[in-house]
Amino acid sequence: MPTVLVGEGYLVGAGQVAQQVGLDDAREARLVAEAAVDRVRDKYGPEVIGLATPLRRAS
């Protein structure tokens, strides 16, 4: 197994790191929505919001 060494000279603070650009728009949208749901749950409690399911059209 190869060994990876990182010297402290290569480490930078989180504020100095560029944000990674995603190529999957659906994934990015889901992550934003999940963060919003987490904020609502933190503020109002876990029972106030949940996942939705799409409704099927009646035939």
Protein backbone atom coordinates (compact mmCIF):
# COMPACT_ATOMS: atom_id res chain seq x y z
CA MET A 1 0.00 0.00 0.00
CA PRO A 2 1.51 3.37 -0.96
CA THR A 3 2.17 5.94 1.73
CA VAL A 4 1.00 9.53 1.34
CA LEU A 5 2.77 12.23 3.31
CA VAL A 6 1.50 15.79 3.66
CA GLY A 7 3.76 18.47 5.06
CA GLU A 8 2.26 21.30 7.06
CA GLY A 9 3.53 23.80 4.51
CA TYR A 10 0.82 22.61 2.12
CA LEU A 11 -2.09 23.06 4.52
CA VAL A 12 -4.22 26.20 4.28
CA GLY A 13 -7.22 27.52 6.18
CA ALA A 14 -10.73 26.63 5.04
CA GLY A 15 -11.35 30.24 3.99
CA GLN A 16 -8.52 30.04 1.48
CA VAL A 17 -9.75 26.95 -0.33
CA ALA A 18 -11.74 27.32 -3.54
CA GLN A 19 -15.17 25.71 -3.60
CA GLN A 20 -15.43 22.61 -5.72
CA VAL A 21 -17.70 23.00 -8.73
CA GLY A 22 -20.11 20.13 -9.19
CA LEU A 23 -21.08 18.68 -12.53
CA ASP A 24 -24.26 17.00 -11.30
CA ASP A 25 -26.96 19.69 -11.02
CA ALA A 26 -29.52 17.33 -9.48
CA ARG A 27 -27.08 16.32 -6.76
CA GLU A 28 -26.17 19.93 -6.05
CA ALA A 29 -29.85 20.89 -5.79
CA ARG A 30 -30.49 17.97 -3.43
CA LEU A 31 -27.60 19.02 -1.19
CA VAL A 32 -28.94 22.59 -1.01
CA ALA A 33 -32.42 21.29 -0.17
CA GLU A 34 -31.05 18.93 2.50
CA ALA A 35 -29.15 21.80 4.13
CA ALA A 36 -32.35 23.89 4.19
CA VAL A 37 -34.29 21.00 5.76
CA ASP A 38 -31.56 20.61 8.38
CA ARG A 39 -31.80 24.31 9.29
CA VAL A 40 -35.60 24.05 9.67
CA ARG A 41 -35.26 20.91 11.82
CA ASP A 42 -32.62 22.58 13.99
CA LYS A 43 -34.87 25.59 14.57
CA TYR A 44 -38.32 23.95 14.92
CA GLY A 45 -37.64 20.28 15.68
CA PRO A 46 -37.29 17.13 13.60
CA GLU A 47 -41.01 16.42 13.29
CA VAL A 48 -41.98 19.65 11.46
CA ILE A 49 -40.57 18.77 8.05
CA GLY A 50 -39.93 15.60 6.09
CA LEU A 51 -39.35 14.21 2.66
CA ALA A 52 -42.11 14.48 0.08
CA THR A 53 -43.12 11.81 -2.38
CA PRO A 54 -44.47 12.58 -5.84
CA LEU A 55 -48.16 11.97 -6.36
CA ARG A 56 -49.20 9.63 -9.13
CA ARG A 57 -51.70 10.86 -11.67
CA ALA A 58 -55.05 9.16 -11.52
CA SER A 59 -55.83 7.16 -14.63
